């Protein structure tokens, strides 16, 4: 999935849907890297991958939210990434 998402975003530059799919996937992919383990059992490398994927997700999700402000889905996934990045 991660290999073809950027191509889908490029193929439909005016569409919010590929941005939403890309962002949502990167949020979930980030949490997969972190795992469900307690923080003390997550390696520094895992946290780096986790945070990088969440930051990438946020770029796509904010872009989707700007294009389709009535959609709630980007904000749902932004909450998940914000939790991981300890925003707030």
N, C-alpha and C. Protein backbone atom coordinates (compact mmCIF):
# COMPACT_ATOMS: atom_id res chain seq x y z
N UNK A 1 0.83 -1.19 0.00
CA UNK A 1 0.00 0.00 0.00
C UNK A 1 0.87 1.25 0.00
N UNK A 2 1.89 1.27 0.84
CA UNK A 2 2.72 2.46 0.97
C UNK A 2 3.44 2.81 -0.33
N UNK A 3 3.63 1.82 -1.19
CA UNK A 3 4.34 2.05 -2.45
C UNK A 3 3.48 2.75 -3.50
N UNK A 4 2.18 2.49 -3.51
CA UNK A 4 1.34 3.08 -4.55
C UNK A 4 0.58 4.31 -4.10
N UNK A 5 0.53 4.59 -2.81
CA UNK A 5 -0.21 5.76 -2.34
C UNK A 5 0.31 7.06 -2.95
N UNK A 6 1.62 7.32 -2.96
CA UNK A 6 2.09 8.58 -3.57
C UNK A 6 1.68 8.71 -5.04
N UNK A 7 1.64 7.60 -5.76
CA UNK A 7 1.21 7.63 -7.16
C UNK A 7 -0.26 8.02 -7.27
N UNK A 8 -1.08 7.52 -6.36
CA UNK A 8 -2.50 7.87 -6.36
C UNK A 8 -2.70 9.36 -6.06
N UNK A 9 -1.92 9.88 -5.13
CA UNK A 9 -2.00 11.31 -4.80
C UNK A 9 -1.61 12.14 -6.02
N UNK A 10 -0.55 11.76 -6.70
CA UNK A 10 -0.09 12.49 -7.89
C UNK A 10 -1.08 12.37 -9.05
N UNK A 11 -1.74 11.23 -9.17
CA UNK A 11 -2.66 11.00 -10.27
C UNK A 11 -3.93 11.85 -10.16
N UNK A 12 -4.29 12.25 -8.95
CA UNK A 12 -5.49 13.06 -8.73
C UNK A 12 -5.14 14.27 -7.88
N UNK A 13 -4.42 15.24 -8.45
CA UNK A 13 -3.92 16.36 -7.65
C UNK A 13 -5.00 17.24 -7.03
N UNK A 14 -6.19 17.24 -7.58
CA UNK A 14 -7.24 18.08 -7.02
C UNK A 14 -8.17 17.37 -6.06
N UNK A 15 -7.95 16.09 -5.86
CA UNK A 15 -8.86 15.28 -5.05
C UNK A 15 -8.36 15.12 -3.62
N UNK A 16 -9.30 15.20 -2.69
CA UNK A 16 -8.96 15.01 -1.28
C UNK A 16 -8.91 13.53 -0.89
N UNK A 17 -9.60 12.69 -1.64
CA UNK A 17 -9.69 11.28 -1.25
C UNK A 17 -8.34 10.57 -1.20
N UNK A 18 -7.48 10.70 -2.21
CA UNK A 18 -6.16 10.05 -2.09
C UNK A 18 -5.35 10.59 -0.91
N UNK A 19 -5.51 11.86 -0.61
CA UNK A 19 -4.80 12.45 0.53
C UNK A 19 -5.30 11.83 1.84
N UNK A 20 -6.61 11.65 1.94
CA UNK A 20 -7.19 11.04 3.12
C UNK A 20 -6.71 9.59 3.27
N UNK A 21 -6.74 8.84 2.19
CA UNK A 21 -6.28 7.44 2.23
C UNK A 21 -4.81 7.38 2.63
N UNK A 22 -4.00 8.25 2.04
CA UNK A 22 -2.57 8.27 2.36
C UNK A 22 -2.35 8.61 3.83
N UNK A 23 -3.04 9.63 4.30
CA UNK A 23 -2.88 10.03 5.70
C UNK A 23 -3.35 8.97 6.67
N UNK A 24 -4.51 8.39 6.39
CA UNK A 24 -5.05 7.35 7.27
C UNK A 24 -4.11 6.14 7.32
N UNK A 25 -3.60 5.75 6.16
CA UNK A 25 -2.69 4.60 6.14
C UNK A 25 -1.43 4.88 6.92
N UNK A 26 -0.89 6.09 6.79
CA UNK A 26 0.34 6.40 7.51
C UNK A 26 0.12 6.49 9.02
N UNK A 27 -1.05 6.92 9.44
CA UNK A 27 -1.35 6.89 10.88
C UNK A 27 -1.33 5.45 11.37
N UNK A 28 -2.05 4.59 10.69
CA UNK A 28 -2.09 3.18 11.11
C UNK A 28 -0.73 2.51 10.99
N UNK A 29 -0.01 2.83 9.94
CA UNK A 29 1.33 2.28 9.73
C UNK A 29 2.28 2.76 10.82
N UNK A 30 2.11 4.00 11.24
CA UNK A 30 2.92 4.52 12.34
C UNK A 30 2.67 3.76 13.64
N UNK A 31 1.39 3.56 13.94
CA UNK A 31 1.06 2.82 15.17
C UNK A 31 1.54 1.37 15.09
N UNK A 32 1.57 0.79 13.90
CA UNK A 32 2.12 -0.56 13.76
C UNK A 32 3.60 -0.58 14.13
N UNK A 33 4.32 0.45 13.74
CA UNK A 33 5.76 0.52 14.06
C UNK A 33 5.98 0.66 15.56
N UNK A 34 5.10 1.40 16.22
CA UNK A 34 5.24 1.61 17.66
C UNK A 34 4.88 0.35 18.43
N UNK A 35 3.95 -0.39 17.93
CA UNK A 35 3.37 -1.59 18.55
C UNK A 35 2.50 -1.21 19.74
N UNK A 36 1.86 -2.20 20.32
CA UNK A 36 1.01 -1.98 21.47
C UNK A 36 1.75 -2.09 22.79
N UNK A 37 3.06 -2.20 22.73
CA UNK A 37 3.86 -2.35 23.95
C UNK A 37 3.87 -1.04 24.74
N UNK A 38 4.14 -1.16 26.03
CA UNK A 38 4.33 0.03 26.85
C UNK A 38 5.55 0.79 26.34
N UNK A 39 5.54 2.10 26.53
CA UNK A 39 6.60 2.96 26.00
C UNK A 39 7.99 2.48 26.41
N UNK A 40 8.11 1.97 27.62
CA UNK A 40 9.43 1.53 28.11
C UNK A 40 9.97 0.34 27.31
N UNK A 41 9.09 -0.33 26.58
CA UNK A 41 9.51 -1.50 25.80
C UNK A 41 9.57 -1.20 24.29
N UNK A 42 9.46 0.07 23.93
CA UNK A 42 9.54 0.48 22.52
C UNK A 42 10.91 1.11 22.31
N UNK A 43 11.62 0.65 21.30
CA UNK A 43 12.98 1.14 21.06
C UNK A 43 12.98 2.56 20.51
N UNK A 44 14.11 3.20 20.62
CA UNK A 44 14.28 4.55 20.07
C UNK A 44 14.01 4.55 18.56
N UNK A 45 14.50 3.52 17.88
CA UNK A 45 14.29 3.41 16.44
C UNK A 45 12.81 3.27 16.10
N UNK A 46 12.09 2.49 16.89
CA UNK A 46 10.65 2.34 16.67
C UNK A 46 9.94 3.68 16.85
N UNK A 47 10.33 4.43 17.88
CA UNK A 47 9.71 5.74 18.10
C UNK A 47 10.02 6.69 16.95
N UNK A 48 11.23 6.63 16.40
CA UNK A 48 11.58 7.50 15.27
C UNK A 48 10.72 7.20 14.06
N UNK A 49 10.57 5.92 13.75
CA UNK A 49 9.73 5.52 12.62
C UNK A 49 8.29 5.94 12.88
N UNK A 50 7.81 5.70 14.07
CA UNK A 50 6.46 6.06 14.49
C UNK A 50 6.21 7.55 14.26
N UNK A 51 7.07 8.38 14.78
CA UNK A 51 6.89 9.83 14.66
C UNK A 51 7.02 10.30 13.22
N UNK A 52 7.96 9.75 12.47
CA UNK A 52 8.10 10.14 11.06
C UNK A 52 6.84 9.81 10.26
N UNK A 53 6.29 8.65 10.49
CA UNK A 53 5.08 8.26 9.76
C UNK A 53 3.89 9.13 10.16
N UNK A 54 3.80 9.47 11.43
CA UNK A 54 2.70 10.34 11.87
C UNK A 54 2.84 11.74 11.30
N UNK A 55 4.05 12.26 11.24
CA UNK A 55 4.25 13.60 10.65
C UNK A 55 3.89 13.61 9.17
N UNK A 56 4.26 12.56 8.47
CA UNK A 56 3.88 12.44 7.06
C UNK A 56 2.36 12.38 6.93
N UNK A 57 1.74 11.60 7.78
CA UNK A 57 0.28 11.48 7.77
C UNK A 57 -0.38 12.84 7.97
N UNK A 58 0.13 13.61 8.90
CA UNK A 58 -0.49 14.90 9.19
C UNK A 58 -0.45 15.85 7.99
N UNK A 59 0.62 15.83 7.24
CA UNK A 59 0.69 16.68 6.03
C UNK A 59 -0.44 16.34 5.08
N UNK A 60 -0.64 15.06 4.83
CA UNK A 60 -1.69 14.64 3.91
C UNK A 60 -3.08 14.91 4.49
N UNK A 61 -3.25 14.67 5.78
CA UNK A 61 -4.57 14.85 6.38
C UNK A 61 -4.97 16.32 6.45
N UNK A 62 -4.04 17.20 6.76
CA UNK A 62 -4.36 18.63 6.76
C UNK A 62 -4.72 19.09 5.35
N UNK A 63 -4.00 18.59 4.35
CA UNK A 63 -4.32 18.95 2.96
C UNK A 63 -5.72 18.45 2.58
N UNK A 64 -6.07 17.25 3.00
CA UNK A 64 -7.41 16.72 2.72
C UNK A 64 -8.47 17.57 3.42
N UNK A 65 -8.22 17.95 4.66
CA UNK A 65 -9.18 18.77 5.42
C UNK A 65 -9.37 20.15 4.78
N UNK A 66 -8.31 20.70 4.23
CA UNK A 66 -8.42 22.00 3.56
C UNK A 66 -9.24 21.89 2.28
N UNK A 67 -9.09 20.80 1.56
CA UNK A 67 -9.84 20.63 0.31
C UNK A 67 -11.30 20.27 0.54
N UNK A 68 -11.56 19.54 1.61
CA UNK A 68 -12.93 19.11 1.92
C UNK A 68 -13.23 19.43 3.38
N UNK A 69 -13.48 20.70 3.70
CA UNK A 69 -13.66 21.09 5.10
C UNK A 69 -14.85 20.45 5.80
N UNK A 70 -15.82 19.95 5.03
CA UNK A 70 -16.98 19.32 5.67
C UNK A 70 -16.72 17.86 6.06
N UNK A 71 -15.63 17.29 5.60
CA UNK A 71 -15.30 15.91 5.96
C UNK A 71 -14.79 15.84 7.39
N UNK A 72 -15.25 14.86 8.14
CA UNK A 72 -14.76 14.67 9.50
C UNK A 72 -13.61 13.65 9.57
N UNK A 73 -13.49 12.82 8.55
CA UNK A 73 -12.48 11.75 8.58
C UNK A 73 -11.05 12.25 8.76
N UNK A 74 -10.63 13.33 8.07
CA UNK A 74 -9.25 13.79 8.32
C UNK A 74 -9.02 14.14 9.79
N UNK A 75 -10.02 14.75 10.40
CA UNK A 75 -9.88 15.16 11.81
C UNK A 75 -9.84 13.96 12.74
N UNK A 76 -10.56 12.91 12.41
CA UNK A 76 -10.51 11.68 13.20
C UNK A 76 -9.09 11.12 13.22
N UNK A 77 -8.48 11.02 12.04
CA UNK A 77 -7.11 10.48 11.96
C UNK A 77 -6.08 11.45 12.53
N UNK A 78 -6.34 12.76 12.42
CA UNK A 78 -5.44 13.73 13.04
C UNK A 78 -5.45 13.61 14.57
N UNK A 79 -6.59 13.24 15.14
CA UNK A 79 -6.63 12.99 16.58
C UNK A 79 -5.75 11.81 16.94
N UNK A 80 -5.78 10.78 16.13
CA UNK A 80 -4.94 9.60 16.39
C UNK A 80 -3.46 9.94 16.27
N UNK A 81 -3.11 10.75 15.27
CA UNK A 81 -1.70 11.13 15.13
C UNK A 81 -1.30 12.09 16.23
N UNK A 82 -2.19 13.00 16.59
CA UNK A 82 -1.89 13.94 17.67
C UNK A 82 -1.64 13.23 18.99
N UNK A 83 -2.38 12.18 19.22
CA UNK A 83 -2.15 11.38 20.44
C UNK A 83 -0.75 10.78 20.42
N UNK A 84 -0.35 10.26 19.27
CA UNK A 84 0.97 9.66 19.15
C UNK A 84 2.10 10.67 19.24
N UNK A 85 1.85 11.87 18.72
CA UNK A 85 2.87 12.93 18.77
C UNK A 85 2.78 13.76 20.04
N UNK A 86 1.85 13.41 20.90
CA UNK A 86 1.64 14.08 22.18
C UNK A 86 1.37 15.57 21.99
N UNK A 87 0.50 15.87 21.01
CA UNK A 87 0.12 17.26 20.75
C UNK A 87 -0.84 17.74 21.84
N UNK A 88 -0.73 18.99 22.14
CA UNK A 88 -1.70 19.57 23.06
C UNK A 88 -1.23 19.81 24.38
